[in-house]
Amino acid sequence: MKLTKEQSKMVIEYLSQKAAQEAPIADTDWAAWDKHLWMTCYEASLAIERKIDESFWAQLINAQLDAQTFDRDPAGYLFERGEEDNEHTNNYYHDVMKDLVSSSIDQAFQMSKAA
């Protein structure tokens, strides 16, 4: 059964969230990070039966990591960037994170190639 475009994007979103959550952030060995990106990109490519370009996958994982960091501690995220922790700024950054993740998912799918 071939996935529709929308189904493929949902799979990409789920697997990229999972990949970001499981990323070896504390590990300073870049080989571990590269292996994680390659393995998760390969898993996502198999799942949607399309070859996802690794550079677009890395961009998506970074967007997911940023969004997850913001979601866990919005005040800390804003403080690190020299921003005020208020409702307006919080909502602005939340919207930016959603847009970044969404556009990265779209780009990862659109730039993928049929298997």
PDB file of N, CA and C in Angstrom:
ATOM      1  N   MET A   1       0.836  -1.183   0.000  1.00  0.00           N
ATOM      2  CA  MET A   1       0.000   0.000   0.000  1.00  0.00           C
ATOM      3  C   MET A   1       0.878   1.243   0.000  1.00  0.00           C
ATOM      4  N   LYS A   2       0.673   2.102  -0.953  1.00  0.00           N
ATOM      5  CA  LYS A   2       1.414   3.341  -1.082  1.00  0.00           C
ATOM      6  C   LYS A   2       0.778   4.419  -0.203  1.00  0.00           C
ATOM      7  N   LEU A   3       1.607   5.129   0.545  1.00  0.00           N
ATOM      8  CA  LEU A   3       1.104   6.207   1.386  1.00  0.00           C
ATOM      9  C   LEU A   3       0.769   7.430   0.543  1.00  0.00           C
ATOM     10  N   THR A   4      -0.246   8.161   0.962  1.00  0.00           N
ATOM     11  CA  THR A   4      -0.554   9.430   0.304  1.00  0.00           C
ATOM     12  C   THR A   4       0.477  10.463   0.763  1.00  0.00           C
ATOM     13  N   LYS A   5       0.485  11.583   0.108  1.00  0.00           N
ATOM     14  CA  LYS A   5       1.389  12.683   0.472  1.00  0.00           C
ATOM     15  C   LYS A   5       1.163  13.095   1.933  1.00  0.00           C
ATOM     16  N   GLU A   6      -0.090  13.226   2.329  1.00  0.00           N
ATOM     17  CA  GLU A   6      -0.419  13.642   3.695  1.00  0.00           C
ATOM     18  C   GLU A   6       0.015  12.585   4.714  1.00  0.00           C
ATOM     19  N   GLN A   7      -0.213  11.322   4.389  1.00  0.00           N
ATOM     20  CA  GLN A   7       0.207  10.236   5.282  1.00  0.00           C
ATOM     21  C   GLN A   7       1.731  10.212   5.414  1.00  0.00           C
ATOM     22  N   SER A   8       2.419  10.400   4.315  1.00  0.00           N
ATOM     23  CA  SER A   8       3.881  10.425   4.341  1.00  0.00           C
ATOM     24  C   SER A   8       4.393  11.550   5.228  1.00  0.00           C
ATOM     25  N   LYS A   9       3.775  12.710   5.134  1.00  0.00           N
ATOM     26  CA  LYS A   9       4.190  13.845   5.966  1.00  0.00           C
ATOM     27  C   LYS A   9       3.932  13.563   7.445  1.00  0.00           C
ATOM     28  N   MET A  10       2.832  12.882   7.744  1.00  0.00           N
ATOM     29  CA  MET A  10       2.554  12.523   9.147  1.00  0.00           C
ATOM     30  C   MET A  10       3.604  11.541   9.663  1.00  0.00           C
ATOM     31  N   VAL A  11       4.011  10.603   8.832  1.00  0.00           N
ATOM     32  CA  VAL A  11       5.052   9.645   9.221  1.00  0.00           C
ATOM     33  C   VAL A  11       6.376  10.381   9.432  1.00  0.00           C
ATOM     34  N   ILE A  12       6.701  11.288   8.526  1.00  0.00           N
ATOM     35  CA  ILE A  12       7.925  12.080   8.658  1.00  0.00           C
ATOM     36  C   ILE A  12       7.891  12.881   9.952  1.00  0.00           C
ATOM     37  N   GLU A  13       6.757  13.484  10.247  1.00  0.00           N
ATOM     38  CA  GLU A  13       6.633  14.273  11.484  1.00  0.00           C
ATOM     39  C   GLU A  13       6.852  13.393  12.708  1.00  0.00           C
ATOM     40  N   TYR A  14       6.185  12.261  12.751  1.00  0.00           N
ATOM     41  CA  TYR A  14       6.316  11.351  13.899  1.00  0.00           C
ATOM     42  C   TYR A  14       7.761  10.870  14.064  1.00  0.00           C
ATOM     43  N   LEU A  15       8.360  10.408  12.975  1.00  0.00           N
ATOM     44  CA  LEU A  15       9.717   9.863  13.075  1.00  0.00           C
ATOM     45  C   LEU A  15      10.752  10.944  13.369  1.00  0.00           C
ATOM     46  N   SER A  16      10.523  12.151  12.888  1.00  0.00           N
ATOM     47  CA  SER A  16      11.463  13.238  13.190  1.00  0.00           C
ATOM     48  C   SER A  16      11.348  13.673  14.650  1.00  0.00           C
ATOM     49  N   GLN A  17      10.134  13.664  15.205  1.00  0.00           N
ATOM     50  CA  GLN A  17       9.975  13.961  16.636  1.00  0.00           C
ATOM     51  C   GLN A  17      10.695  12.913  17.471  1.00  0.00           C
ATOM     52  N   LYS A  18      10.516  11.664  17.087  1.00  0.00           N
ATOM     53  CA  LYS A  18      11.163  10.560  17.787  1.00  0.00           C
ATOM     54  C   LYS A  18      12.687  10.675  17.675  1.00  0.00           C
ATOM     55  N   ALA A  19      13.172  10.986  16.491  1.00  0.00           N
ATOM     56  CA  ALA A  19      14.612  11.125  16.274  1.00  0.00           C
ATOM     57  C   ALA A  19      15.182  12.265  17.108  1.00  0.00           C
ATOM     58  N   ALA A  20      14.447  13.357  17.205  1.00  0.00           N
ATOM     59  CA  ALA A  20      14.913  14.493  18.014  1.00  0.00           C
ATOM     60  C   ALA A  20      14.937  14.130  19.494  1.00  0.00           C
ATOM     61  N   GLN A  21      13.922  13.413  19.948  1.00  0.00           N
ATOM     62  CA  GLN A  21      13.871  13.009  21.354  1.00  0.00           C
ATOM     63  C   GLN A  21      14.998  12.052  21.714  1.00  0.00           C
ATOM     64  N   GLU A  22      15.397  11.216  20.769  1.00  0.00           N
ATOM     65  CA  GLU A  22      16.418  10.207  21.018  1.00  0.00           C
ATOM     66  C   GLU A  22      17.816  10.654  20.583  1.00  0.00           C
ATOM     67  N   ALA A  23      17.949  11.894  20.154  1.00  0.00           N
ATOM     68  CA  ALA A  23      19.240  12.389  19.662  1.00  0.00           C
ATOM     69  C   ALA A  23      20.298  12.342  20.759  1.00  0.00           C
ATOM     70  N   PRO A  24      21.521  11.976  20.382  1.00  0.00           N
ATOM     71  CA  PRO A  24      22.610  11.896  21.359  1.00  0.00           C
ATOM     72  C   PRO A  24      23.180  13.275  21.680  1.00  0.00           C
ATOM     73  N   ILE A  25      22.358  14.130  22.254  1.00  0.00           N
ATOM     74  CA  ILE A  25      22.738  15.525  22.497  1.00  0.00           C
ATOM     75  C   ILE A  25      23.907  15.632  23.475  1.00  0.00           C
ATOM     76  N   ALA A  26      23.885  14.829  24.516  1.00  0.00           N
ATOM     77  CA  ALA A  26      24.938  14.901  25.528  1.00  0.00           C
ATOM     78  C   ALA A  26      26.256  14.317  25.029  1.00  0.00           C
ATOM     79  N   ASP A  27      26.206  13.533  23.965  1.00  0.00           N
ATOM     80  CA  ASP A  27      27.402  12.897  23.422  1.00  0.00           C
ATOM     81  C   ASP A  27      28.141  13.898  22.538  1.00  0.00           C
ATOM     82  N   THR A  28      29.394  14.167  22.857  1.00  0.00           N
ATOM     83  CA  THR A  28      30.174  15.116  22.066  1.00  0.00           C
ATOM     84  C   THR A  28      30.862  14.450  20.879  1.00  0.00           C
ATOM     85  N   ASP A  29      30.638  13.164  20.715  1.00  0.00           N
ATOM     86  CA  ASP A  29      31.206  12.433  19.589  1.00  0.00           C
ATOM     87  C   ASP A  29      30.332  12.670  18.363  1.00  0.00           C
ATOM     88  N   TRP A  30      30.850  13.412  17.389  1.00  0.00           N
ATOM     89  CA  TRP A  30      30.068  13.743  16.199  1.00  0.00           C
ATOM     90  C   TRP A  30      29.719  12.508  15.395  1.00  0.00           C
ATOM     91  N   ALA A  31      30.530  11.456  15.522  1.00  0.00           N
ATOM     92  CA  ALA A  31      30.228  10.220  14.803  1.00  0.00           C
ATOM     93  C   ALA A  31      28.906   9.635  15.288  1.00  0.00           C
ATOM     94  N   ALA A  32      28.630   9.737  16.596  1.00  0.00           N
ATOM     95  CA  ALA A  32      27.363   9.244  17.147  1.00  0.00           C
ATOM     96  C   ALA A  32      26.194  10.056  16.595  1.00  0.00           C
ATOM     97  N   TRP A  33      26.372  11.361  16.510  1.00  0.00           N
ATOM     98  CA  TRP A  33      25.325  12.236  15.958  1.00  0.00           C
ATOM     99  C   TRP A  33      25.091  11.916  14.485  1.00  0.00           C
ATOM    100  N   ASP A  34      26.182  11.774  13.709  1.00  0.00           N
ATOM    101  CA  ASP A  34      26.056  11.447  12.284  1.00  0.00           C
ATOM    102  C   ASP A  34      25.369  10.099  12.087  1.00  0.00           C
ATOM    103  N   LYS A  35      25.732   9.134  12.899  1.00  0.00           N
ATOM    104  CA  LYS A  35      25.117   7.809  12.791  1.00  0.00           C
ATOM    105  C   LYS A  35      23.624   7.889  13.108  1.00  0.00           C
ATOM    106  N   HIS A  36      23.280   8.639  14.153  1.00  0.00           N
ATOM    107  CA  HIS A  36      21.870   8.797  14.532  1.00  0.00           C
ATOM    108  C   HIS A  36      21.082   9.437  13.385  1.00  0.00           C
ATOM    109  N   LEU A  37      21.620  10.504  12.807  1.00  0.00           N
ATOM    110  CA  LEU A  37      20.927  11.165  11.694  1.00  0.00           C
ATOM    111  C   LEU A  37      20.776  10.219  10.516  1.00  0.00           C
ATOM    112  N   TRP A  38      21.839   9.500  10.177  1.00  0.00           N
ATOM    113  CA  TRP A  38      21.777   8.596   9.034  1.00  0.00           C
ATOM    114  C   TRP A  38      20.759   7.485   9.271  1.00  0.00           C
ATOM    115  N   MET A  39      20.808   6.869  10.455  1.00  0.00           N
ATOM    116  CA  MET A  39      19.900   5.762  10.748  1.00  0.00           C
ATOM    117  C   MET A  39      18.442   6.211  10.759  1.00  0.00           C
ATOM    118  N   THR A  40      18.169   7.358  11.367  1.00  0.00           N
ATOM    119  CA  THR A  40      16.784   7.820  11.437  1.00  0.00           C
ATOM    120  C   THR A  40      16.284   8.295  10.072  1.00  0.00           C
ATOM    121  N   CYS A  41      17.163   8.876   9.268  1.00  0.00           N
ATOM    122  CA  CYS A  41      16.787   9.273   7.905  1.00  0.00           C
ATOM    123  C   CYS A  41      16.477   8.030   7.085  1.00  0.00           C
ATOM    124  N   TYR A  42      17.274   7.009   7.255  1.00  0.00           N
ATOM    125  CA  TYR A  42      17.062   5.748   6.542  1.00  0.00           C
ATOM    126  C   TYR A  42      15.731   5.125   6.960  1.00  0.00           C
ATOM    127  N   GLU A  43      15.446   5.132   8.262  1.00  0.00           N
ATOM    128  CA  GLU A  43      14.183   4.587   8.775  1.00  0.00           C
ATOM    129  C   GLU A  43      12.990   5.334   8.182  1.00  0.00           C
ATOM    130  N   ALA A  44      13.072   6.659   8.163  1.00  0.00           N
ATOM    131  CA  ALA A  44      11.980   7.468   7.610  1.00  0.00           C
ATOM    132  C   ALA A  44      11.835   7.226   6.107  1.00  0.00           C
ATOM    133  N   SER A  45      12.953   7.118   5.413  1.00  0.00           N
ATOM    134  CA  SER A  45      12.912   6.857   3.971  1.00  0.00           C
ATOM    135  C   SER A  45      12.233   5.520   3.676  1.00  0.00           C
ATOM    136  N   LEU A  46      12.573   4.504   4.453  1.00  0.00           N
ATOM    137  CA  LEU A  46      11.930   3.204   4.280  1.00  0.00           C
ATOM    138  C   LEU A  46      10.431   3.283   4.568  1.00  0.00           C
ATOM    139  N   ALA A  47      10.081   4.011   5.623  1.00  0.00           N
ATOM    140  CA  ALA A  47       8.684   4.086   6.044  1.00  0.00           C
ATOM    141  C   ALA A  47       7.796   4.736   4.985  1.00  0.00           C
ATOM    142  N   ILE A  48       8.321   5.737   4.292  1.00  0.00           N
ATOM    143  CA  ILE A  48       7.488   6.424   3.292  1.00  0.00           C
ATOM    144  C   ILE A  48       7.803   5.963   1.866  1.00  0.00           C
ATOM    145  N   GLU A  49       8.748   5.053   1.745  1.00  0.00           N
ATOM    146  CA  GLU A  49       9.161   4.518   0.447  1.00  0.00           C
ATOM    147  C   GLU A  49       9.619   5.615  -0.504  1.00  0.00           C
ATOM    148  N   ARG A  50      10.374   6.558   0.041  1.00  0.00           N
ATOM    149  CA  ARG A  50      10.984   7.639  -0.724  1.00  0.00           C
ATOM    150  C   ARG A  50      12.337   7.929  -0.080  1.00  0.00           C
ATOM    151  N   LYS A  51      13.309   8.332  -0.862  1.00  0.00           N
ATOM    152  CA  LYS A  51      14.638   8.653  -0.344  1.00  0.00           C
ATOM    153  C   LYS A  51      14.650  10.102   0.110  1.00  0.00           C
ATOM    154  N   ILE A  52      14.769  10.286   1.433  1.00  0.00           N
ATOM    155  CA  ILE A  52      14.840  11.630   2.007  1.00  0.00           C
ATOM    156  C   ILE A  52      16.301  12.077   1.999  1.00  0.00           C
ATOM    157  N   ASP A  53      16.546  13.257   1.480  1.00  0.00           N
ATOM    158  CA  ASP A  53      17.892  13.813   1.452  1.00  0.00           C
ATOM    159  C   ASP A  53      18.361  14.073   2.888  1.00  0.00           C
ATOM    160  N   GLU A  54      19.571  13.635   3.195  1.00  0.00           N
ATOM    161  CA  GLU A  54      20.071  13.736   4.566  1.00  0.00           C
ATOM    162  C   GLU A  54      20.199  15.179   5.052  1.00  0.00           C
ATOM    163  N   SER A  55      20.491  16.113   4.166  1.00  0.00           N
ATOM    164  CA  SER A  55      20.621  17.507   4.602  1.00  0.00           C
ATOM    165  C   SER A  55      19.263  18.078   5.017  1.00  0.00           C
ATOM    166  N   PHE A  56      18.208  17.699   4.303  1.00  0.00           N
ATOM    167  CA  PHE A  56      16.875  18.173   4.684  1.00  0.00           C
ATOM    168  C   PHE A  56      16.400  17.476   5.958  1.00  0.00           C
ATOM    169  N   TRP A  57      16.797  16.221   6.133  1.00  0.00           N
ATOM    170  CA  TRP A  57      16.463  15.495   7.361  1.00  0.00           C
ATOM    171  C   TRP A  57      17.155  16.158   8.553  1.00  0.00           C
ATOM    172  N   ALA A  58      18.427  16.499   8.408  1.00  0.00           N
ATOM    173  CA  ALA A  58      19.169  17.148   9.494  1.00  0.00           C
ATOM    174  C   ALA A  58      18.528  18.490   9.855  1.00  0.00           C
ATOM    175  N   GLN A  59      18.111  19.238   8.839  1.00  0.00           N
ATOM    176  CA  GLN A  59      17.432  20.517   9.075  1.00  0.00           C
ATOM    177  C   GLN A  59      16.143  20.298   9.864  1.00  0.00           C
ATOM    178  N   LEU A  60      15.398  19.268   9.504  1.00  0.00           N
ATOM    179  CA  LEU A  60      14.145  18.960  10.196  1.00  0.00           C
ATOM    180  C   LEU A  60      14.410  18.539  11.640  1.00  0.00           C
ATOM    181  N   ILE A  61      15.403  17.702  11.861  1.00  0.00           N
ATOM    182  CA  ILE A  61      15.706  17.261  13.226  1.00  0.00           C
ATOM    183  C   ILE A  61      16.124  18.455  14.083  1.00  0.00           C
ATOM    184  N   ASN A  62      16.902  19.362  13.523  1.00  0.00           N
ATOM    185  CA  ASN A  62      17.295  20.561  14.274  1.00  0.00           C
ATOM    186  C   ASN A  62      16.085  21.426  14.607  1.00  0.00           C
ATOM    187  N   ALA A  63      15.152  21.546  13.679  1.00  0.00           N
ATOM    188  CA  ALA A  63      13.917  22.303  13.948  1.00  0.00           C
ATOM    189  C   ALA A  63      13.112  21.617  15.051  1.00  0.00           C
ATOM    190  N   GLN A  64      13.028  20.282  14.997  1.00  0.00           N
ATOM    191  CA  GLN A  64      12.305  19.533  16.034  1.00  0.00           C
ATOM    192  C   GLN A  64      12.988  19.690  17.393  1.00  0.00           C
ATOM    193  N   LEU A  65      14.316  19.629  17.419  1.00  0.00           N
ATOM    194  CA  LEU A  65      15.050  19.813  18.680  1.00  0.00           C
ATOM    195  C   LEU A  65      14.776  21.193  19.271  1.00  0.00           C
ATOM    196  N   ASP A  66      14.807  22.200  18.423  1.00  0.00           N
ATOM    197  CA  ASP A  66      14.538  23.569  18.876  1.00  0.00           C
ATOM    198  C   ASP A  66      13.119  23.680  19.433  1.00  0.00           C
ATOM    199  N   ALA A  67      12.158  23.125  18.721  1.00  0.00           N
ATOM    200  CA  ALA A  67      10.766  23.178  19.163  1.00  0.00           C
ATOM    201  C   ALA A  67      10.578  22.427  20.482  1.00  0.00           C
ATOM    202  N   GLN A  68      11.210  21.274  20.611  1.00  0.00           N
ATOM    203  CA  GLN A  68      11.093  20.501  21.852  1.00  0.00           C
ATOM    204  C   GLN A  68      11.751  21.227  23.024  1.00  0.00           C
ATOM    205  N   THR A  69      12.881  21.869  22.771  1.00  0.00           N
ATOM    206  CA  THR A  69      13.552  22.639  23.818  1.00  0.00           C
ATOM    207  C   THR A  69      12.661  23.785  24.276  1.00  0.00           C
ATOM    208  N   PHE A  70      12.054  24.474  23.327  1.00  0.00           N
ATOM    209  CA  PHE A  70      11.150  25.565  23.664  1.00  0.00           C
ATOM    210  C   PHE A  70       9.941  25.056  24.444  1.00  0.00           C
ATOM    211  N   ASP A  71       9.349  23.950  23.987  1.00  0.00           N
ATOM    212  CA  ASP A  71       8.164  23.402  24.657  1.00  0.00           C
ATOM    213  C   ASP A  71       8.452  22.983  26.098  1.00  0.00           C
ATOM    214  N   ARG A  72       9.650  22.441  26.340  1.00  0.00           N
ATOM    215  CA  ARG A  72       9.995  21.986  27.699  1.00  0.00           C
ATOM    216  C   ARG A  72      10.200  23.149  28.661  1.00  0.00           C
ATOM    217  N   ASP A  73      10.811  24.234  28.154  1.00  0.00           N
ATOM    218  CA  ASP A  73      11.125  25.359  29.035  1.00  0.00           C
ATOM    219  C   ASP A  73      11.108  26.667  28.244  1.00  0.00           C
ATOM    220  N   PRO A  74       9.912  27.184  27.966  1.00  0.00           N
ATOM    221  CA  PRO A  74       9.837  28.415  27.173  1.00  0.00           C
ATOM    222  C   PRO A  74      10.604  29.579  27.803  1.00  0.00           C
ATOM    223  N   ALA A  75      10.495  29.734  29.110  1.00  0.00           N
ATOM    224  CA  ALA A  75      11.174  30.855  29.776  1.00  0.00           C
ATOM    225  C   ALA A  75      12.687  30.744  29.624  1.00  0.00           C
ATOM    226  N   GLY A  76      13.214  29.545  29.823  1.00  0.00           N
ATOM    227  CA  GLY A  76      14.657  29.332  29.678  1.00  0.00           C
ATOM    228  C   GLY A  76      15.115  29.545  28.242  1.00  0.00           C
ATOM    229  N   TYR A  77      14.326  29.073  27.300  1.00  0.00           N
ATOM    230  CA  TYR A  77      14.639  29.240  25.877  1.00  0.00           C
ATOM    231  C   TYR A  77      14.707  30.724  25.524  1.00  0.00           C
ATOM    232  N   LEU A  78      13.712  31.472  25.987  1.00  0.00           N
ATOM    233  CA  LEU A  78      13.673  32.906  25.692  1.00  0.00           C
ATOM    234  C   LEU A  78      14.814  33.643  26.393  1.00  0.00           C
ATOM    235  N   PHE A  79      15.114  33.257  27.623  1.00  0.00           N
ATOM    236  CA  PHE A  79      16.195  33.891  28.380  1.00  0.00           C
ATOM    237  C   PHE A  79      17.533  33.711  27.661  1.00  0.00           C
ATOM    238  N   GLU A  80      17.782  32.502  27.152  1.00  0.00           N
ATOM    239  CA  GLU A  80      19.043  32.233  26.440  1.00  0.00           C
ATOM    240  C   GLU A  80      19.193  33.095  25.200  1.00  0.00           C
ATOM    241  N   ARG A  81      18.096  33.563  24.655  1.00  0.00           N
ATOM    242  CA  ARG A  81      18.130  34.387  23.450  1.00  0.00           C
ATOM    243  C   ARG A  81      17.953  35.868  23.745  1.00  0.00           C
ATOM    244  N   GLY A  82      17.955  36.216  25.026  1.00  0.00           N
ATOM    245  CA  GLY A  82      17.837  37.613  25.413  1.00  0.00           C
ATOM    246  C   GLY A  82      16.457  38.197  25.201  1.00  0.00           C
ATOM    247  N   GLU A  83      15.453  37.340  25.183  1.00  0.00           N
ATOM    248  CA  GLU A  83      14.071  37.779  24.970  1.00  0.00           C
ATOM    249  C   GLU A  83      13.319  37.828  26.293  1.00  0.00           C
ATOM    250  N   GLU A  84      12.323  38.681  26.356  1.00  0.00           N
ATOM    251  CA  GLU A  84      11.460  38.746  27.533  1.00  0.00           C
ATOM    252  C   GLU A  84      10.500  37.572  27.553  1.00  0.00           C
ATOM    253  N   ASP A  85      10.255  37.060  28.739  1.00  0.00           N
ATOM    254  CA  ASP A  85       9.288  35.968  28.896  1.00  0.00           C
ATOM    255  C   ASP A  85       7.928  36.579  29.183  1.00  0.00           C
ATOM    256  N   ASN A  86       7.193  36.859  28.109  1.00  0.00           N
ATOM    257  CA  ASN A  86       5.828  37.356  28.257  1.00  0.00           C
ATOM    258  C   ASN A  86       4.942  36.631  27.257  1.00  0.00           C
ATOM    259  N   GLU A  87       3.664  36.831  27.378  1.00  0.00           N
ATOM    260  CA  GLU A  87       2.712  36.094  26.548  1.00  0.00           C
ATOM    261  C   GLU A  87       2.928  36.345  25.053  1.00  0.00           C
ATOM    262  N   HIS A  88       3.167  37.610  24.693  1.00  0.00           N
ATOM    263  CA  HIS A  88       3.360  37.950  23.283  1.00  0.00           C
ATOM    264  C   HIS A  88       4.585  37.238  22.705  1.00  0.00           C
ATOM    265  N   THR A  89       5.717  37.323  23.385  1.00  0.00           N
ATOM    266  CA  THR A  89       6.954  36.703  22.906  1.00  0.00           C
ATOM    267  C   THR A  89       6.822  35.186  22.892  1.00  0.00           C
ATOM    268  N   ASN A  90       6.195  34.643  23.927  1.00  0.00           N
ATOM    269  CA  ASN A  90       5.989  33.201  24.019  1.00  0.00           C
ATOM    270  C   ASN A  90       5.147  32.716  22.839  1.00  0.00           C
ATOM    271  N   ASN A  91       4.058  33.401  22.563  1.00  0.00           N
ATOM    272  CA  ASN A  91       3.192  33.034  21.432  1.00  0.00           C
ATOM    273  C   ASN A  91       3.915  33.181  20.098  1.00  0.00           C
ATOM    274  N   TYR A  92       4.704  34.253  19.976  1.00  0.00           N
ATOM    275  CA  TYR A  92       5.457  34.486  18.745  1.00  0.00           C
ATOM    276  C   TYR A  92       6.425  33.323  18.488  1.00  0.00           C
ATOM    277  N   TYR A  93       7.216  32.971  19.495  1.00  0.00           N
ATOM    278  CA  TYR A  93       8.186  31.896  19.328  1.00  0.00           C
ATOM    279  C   TYR A  93       7.492  30.546  19.106  1.00  0.00           C
ATOM    280  N   HIS A  94       6.392  30.333  19.767  1.00  0.00           N
ATOM    281  CA  HIS A  94       5.641  29.089  19.568  1.00  0.00           C
ATOM    282  C   HIS A  94       5.198  28.975  18.107  1.00  0.00           C
ATOM    283  N   ASP A  95       4.684  30.068  17.557  1.00  0.00           N
ATOM    284  CA  ASP A  95       4.250  30.079  16.157  1.00  0.00           C
ATOM    285  C   ASP A  95       5.429  29.888  15.205  1.00  0.00           C
ATOM    286  N   VAL A  96       6.554  30.523  15.520  1.00  0.00           N
ATOM    287  CA  VAL A  96       7.748  30.382  14.685  1.00  0.00           C
ATOM    288  C   VAL A  96       8.211  28.929  14.676  1.00  0.00           C
ATOM    289  N   MET A  97       8.223  28.292  15.854  1.00  0.00           N
ATOM    290  CA  MET A  97       8.652  26.892  15.940  1.00  0.00           C
ATOM    291  C   MET A  97       7.725  25.989  15.122  1.00  0.00           C
ATOM    292  N   LYS A  98       6.420  26.206  15.241  1.00  0.00           N
ATOM    293  CA  LYS A  98       5.462  25.412  14.467  1.00  0.00           C
ATOM    294  C   LYS A  98       5.687  25.586  12.969  1.00  0.00           C
ATOM    295  N   ASP A  99       5.906  26.825  12.545  1.00  0.00           N
ATOM    296  CA  ASP A  99       6.129  27.106  11.126  1.00  0.00           C
ATOM    297  C   ASP A  99       7.427  26.477  10.624  1.00  0.00           C
ATOM    298  N   LEU A 100       8.491  26.556  11.440  1.00  0.00           N
ATOM    299  CA  LEU A 100       9.771  25.967  11.048  1.00  0.00           C
ATOM    300  C   LEU A 100       9.664  24.456  10.888  1.00  0.00           C
ATOM    301  N   VAL A 101       9.040  23.812  11.853  1.00  0.00           N
ATOM    302  CA  VAL A 101       8.878  22.362  11.781  1.00  0.00           C
ATOM    303  C   VAL A 101       8.019  21.999  10.576  1.00  0.00           C
ATOM    304  N   SER A 102       6.909  22.684  10.415  1.00  0.00           N
ATOM    305  CA  SER A 102       5.998  22.394   9.307  1.00  0.00           C
ATOM    306  C   SER A 102       6.682  22.572   7.951  1.00  0.00           C
ATOM    307  N   SER A 103       7.384  23.677   7.775  1.00  0.00           N
ATOM    308  CA  SER A 103       8.050  23.902   6.491  1.00  0.00           C
ATOM    309  C   SER A 103       9.199  22.919   6.279  1.00  0.00           C
ATOM    310  N   SER A 104       9.859  22.501   7.347  1.00  0.00           N
ATOM    311  CA  SER A 104      10.937  21.512   7.226  1.00  0.00           C
ATOM    312  C   SER A 104      10.387  20.142   6.846  1.00  0.00           C
ATOM    313  N   ILE A 105       9.218  19.796   7.377  1.00  0.00           N
ATOM    314  CA  ILE A 105       8.558  18.541   6.991  1.00  0.00           C
ATOM    315  C   ILE A 105       8.188  18.596   5.508  1.00  0.00           C
ATOM    316  N   ASP A 106       7.577  19.703   5.090  1.00  0.00           N
ATOM    317  CA  ASP A 106       7.201  19.869   3.686  1.00  0.00           C
ATOM    318  C   ASP A 106       8.421  19.756   2.774  1.00  0.00           C
ATOM    319  N   GLN A 107       9.488  20.422   3.166  1.00  0.00           N
ATOM    320  CA  GLN A 107      10.697  20.415   2.348  1.00  0.00           C
ATOM    321  C   GLN A 107      11.331  19.028   2.292  1.00  0.00           C
ATOM    322  N   ALA A 108      11.371  18.328   3.422  1.00  0.00           N
ATOM    323  CA  ALA A 108      11.936  16.973   3.436  1.00  0.00           C
ATOM    324  C   ALA A 108      11.145  16.072   2.502  1.00  0.00           C
ATOM    325  N   PHE A 109       9.829  16.209   2.511  1.00  0.00           N
ATOM    326  CA  PHE A 109       9.017  15.380   1.620  1.00  0.00           C
ATOM    327  C   PHE A 109       9.183  15.815   0.166  1.00  0.00           C
ATOM    328  N   GLN A 110       9.058  17.104  -0.090  1.00  0.00           N
ATOM    329  CA  GLN A 110       9.105  17.585  -1.471  1.00  0.00           C
ATOM    330  C   GLN A 110      10.445  17.321  -2.147  1.00  0.00           C
ATOM    331  N   MET A 111      11.519  17.323  -1.375  1.00  0.00           N
ATOM    332  CA  MET A 111      12.836  17.093  -1.944  1.00  0.00           C
ATOM    333  C   MET A 111      13.240  15.620  -1.937  1.00  0.00           C
ATOM    334  N   SER A 112      12.357  14.769  -1.441  1.00  0.00           N
ATOM    335  CA  SER A 112      12.638  13.339  -1.447  1.00  0.00           C
ATOM    336  C   SER A 112      12.370  12.785  -2.844  1.00  0.00           C
ATOM    337  N   LYS A 113      12.970  11.638  -3.092  1.00  0.00           N
ATOM    338  CA  LYS A 113      12.823  11.014  -4.406  1.00  0.00           C
ATOM    339  C   LYS A 113      12.095   9.700  -4.287  1.00  0.00           C
ATOM    340  N   ALA A 114      11.337   9.360  -5.289  1.00  0.00           N
ATOM    341  CA  ALA A 114      10.613   8.086  -5.298  1.00  0.00           C
ATOM    342  C   ALA A 114      11.594   6.928  -5.169  1.00  0.00           C
ATOM    343  N   ALA A 115      11.205   5.941  -4.388  1.00  0.00           N
ATOM    344  CA  ALA A 115      12.072   4.777  -4.167  1.00  0.00           C
ATOM    345  C   ALA A 115      12.092   3.878  -5.386  1.00  0.00           C
TER     346      ALA A 115
END
